[in-house]
Amino acid sequence: MIEGFTALYIFMLAAFTGYEVISRVPVILHTPLMSGSNFVHGIVLVGAMIALGHAESTVEQLVGFVGVILAAGNAVGGYVVTERMLDMFKSSKGGAK
């Protein structure tokens, strides 16, 4: 049972630290950080696919499938948001797109 409390403590500490770090990032650095985090989401997707490949029971396969779907959605959503952010910095000179 102590491992569960330790894991919860580490999760809460990581969430608090992440919030504090991200809240202090200047606006101009958000786009490069989003690009880097998209790379991490791609690694998470690969890890979820490997875990799904090693799943033996139906429950493990279901959890692995949900993990792959969520990781893929997170990676794709990150790239969409990054693209929209980069479009905000494009110049409107020279007519329409």
Protein backbone atom coordinates (compact mmCIF):
# COMPACT_ATOMS: atom_id res chain seq x y z
CA MET A 1 0.00 0.00 0.00
CA ILE A 2 2.92 2.34 0.67
CA GLU A 3 3.91 2.20 -3.01
CA GLY A 4 0.53 3.68 -3.91
CA PHE A 5 1.02 6.61 -1.56
CA THR A 6 4.54 7.16 -2.86
CA ALA A 7 3.27 7.14 -6.46
CA LEU A 8 0.49 9.59 -5.53
CA TYR A 9 2.99 11.86 -3.79
CA ILE A 10 5.32 11.83 -6.80
CA PHE A 11 2.40 12.55 -9.15
CA MET A 12 1.18 15.48 -7.04
CA LEU A 13 4.71 16.87 -6.77
CA ALA A 14 5.24 16.55 -10.53
CA ALA A 15 1.88 18.22 -11.28
CA PHE A 16 2.65 21.14 -8.96
CA THR A 17 6.19 21.55 -10.32
CA GLY A 18 4.97 21.36 -13.91
CA TYR A 19 2.31 23.99 -13.28
CA GLU A 20 4.80 26.33 -11.63
CA VAL A 21 7.38 25.93 -14.41
CA ILE A 22 4.90 26.34 -17.29
CA SER A 23 3.18 29.35 -15.72
CA ARG A 24 6.50 31.22 -15.72
CA VAL A 25 7.36 30.60 -19.39
CA PRO A 26 7.29 33.76 -21.54
CA VAL A 27 4.68 33.79 -24.30
CA ILE A 28 7.33 33.89 -27.04
CA LEU A 29 8.69 30.49 -25.92
CA HIS A 30 5.37 28.62 -25.93
CA THR A 31 5.63 27.56 -29.59
CA PRO A 32 9.10 25.98 -29.29
CA LEU A 33 8.03 24.25 -26.08
CA MET A 34 4.91 22.89 -27.78
CA SER A 35 7.09 21.51 -30.54
CA GLY A 36 9.29 19.76 -28.00
CA SER A 37 6.32 18.39 -26.11
CA ASN A 38 4.92 16.98 -29.36
CA PHE A 39 8.11 14.95 -29.64
CA VAL A 40 7.49 13.57 -26.15
CA HIS A 41 3.88 12.72 -27.09
CA GLY A 42 5.21 10.74 -30.04
CA ILE A 43 7.41 8.73 -27.68
CA VAL A 44 4.40 8.11 -25.41
CA LEU A 45 2.48 6.84 -28.44
CA VAL A 46 5.27 4.42 -29.33
CA GLY A 47 5.39 3.21 -25.72
CA ALA A 48 1.61 2.66 -25.68
CA MET A 49 1.85 0.68 -28.92
CA ILE A 50 4.62 -1.51 -27.48
CA ALA A 51 2.60 -2.08 -24.30
CA LEU A 52 -0.43 -3.02 -26.41
CA GLY A 53 1.71 -5.47 -28.38
CA HIS A 54 2.79 -7.20 -25.15
CA ALA A 55 -0.72 -7.33 -23.67
CA GLU A 56 -1.99 -10.83 -22.96
CA SER A 57 -5.38 -10.53 -21.27
CA THR A 58 -8.44 -8.79 -22.62
CA VAL A 59 -8.24 -6.12 -19.92
CA GLU A 60 -4.60 -5.39 -20.78
CA GLN A 61 -5.50 -5.16 -24.46
CA LEU A 62 -8.39 -2.80 -23.70
CA VAL A 63 -6.25 -0.54 -21.53
CA GLY A 64 -3.47 -0.60 -24.15
CA PHE A 65 -5.92 0.26 -26.93
CA VAL A 66 -7.33 3.18 -24.94
CA GLY A 67 -3.75 4.30 -24.23
CA VAL A 68 -2.88 4.25 -27.94
CA ILE A 69 -6.03 6.20 -28.84
CA LEU A 70 -5.42 8.84 -26.16
CA ALA A 71 -1.70 9.17 -27.00
CA ALA A 72 -2.46 9.52 -30.72
CA GLY A 73 -5.11 12.14 -30.05
CA ASN A 74 -2.73 14.03 -27.78
CA ALA A 75 0.06 14.01 -30.36
CA VAL A 76 -2.20 15.07 -33.24
CA GLY A 77 -3.86 17.76 -31.11
CA GLY A 78 -0.44 19.12 -30.13
CA TYR A 79 0.59 19.48 -33.76
CA VAL A 80 -2.72 21.17 -34.63
CA VAL A 81 -2.30 23.67 -31.80
CA THR A 82 1.32 24.34 -32.77
CA GLU A 83 0.30 24.94 -36.38
CA ARG A 84 -2.38 27.40 -35.29
CA MET A 85 0.09 29.20 -33.05
CA LEU A 86 2.61 29.47 -35.89
CA ASP A 87 -0.11 30.83 -38.20
CA MET A 88 -0.62 33.69 -35.73
CA PHE A 89 2.96 34.84 -36.37
CA LYS A 90 2.71 34.81 -40.17
CA SER A 91 2.65 38.16 -41.88
CA SER A 92 -0.56 39.20 -43.62
CA LYS A 93 1.43 41.12 -46.25
CA GLY A 94 1.21 39.86 -49.80
CA GLY A 95 -2.47 39.01 -49.94
CA ALA A 96 -4.33 35.90 -48.95
CA LYS A 97 -2.77 32.55 -48.19
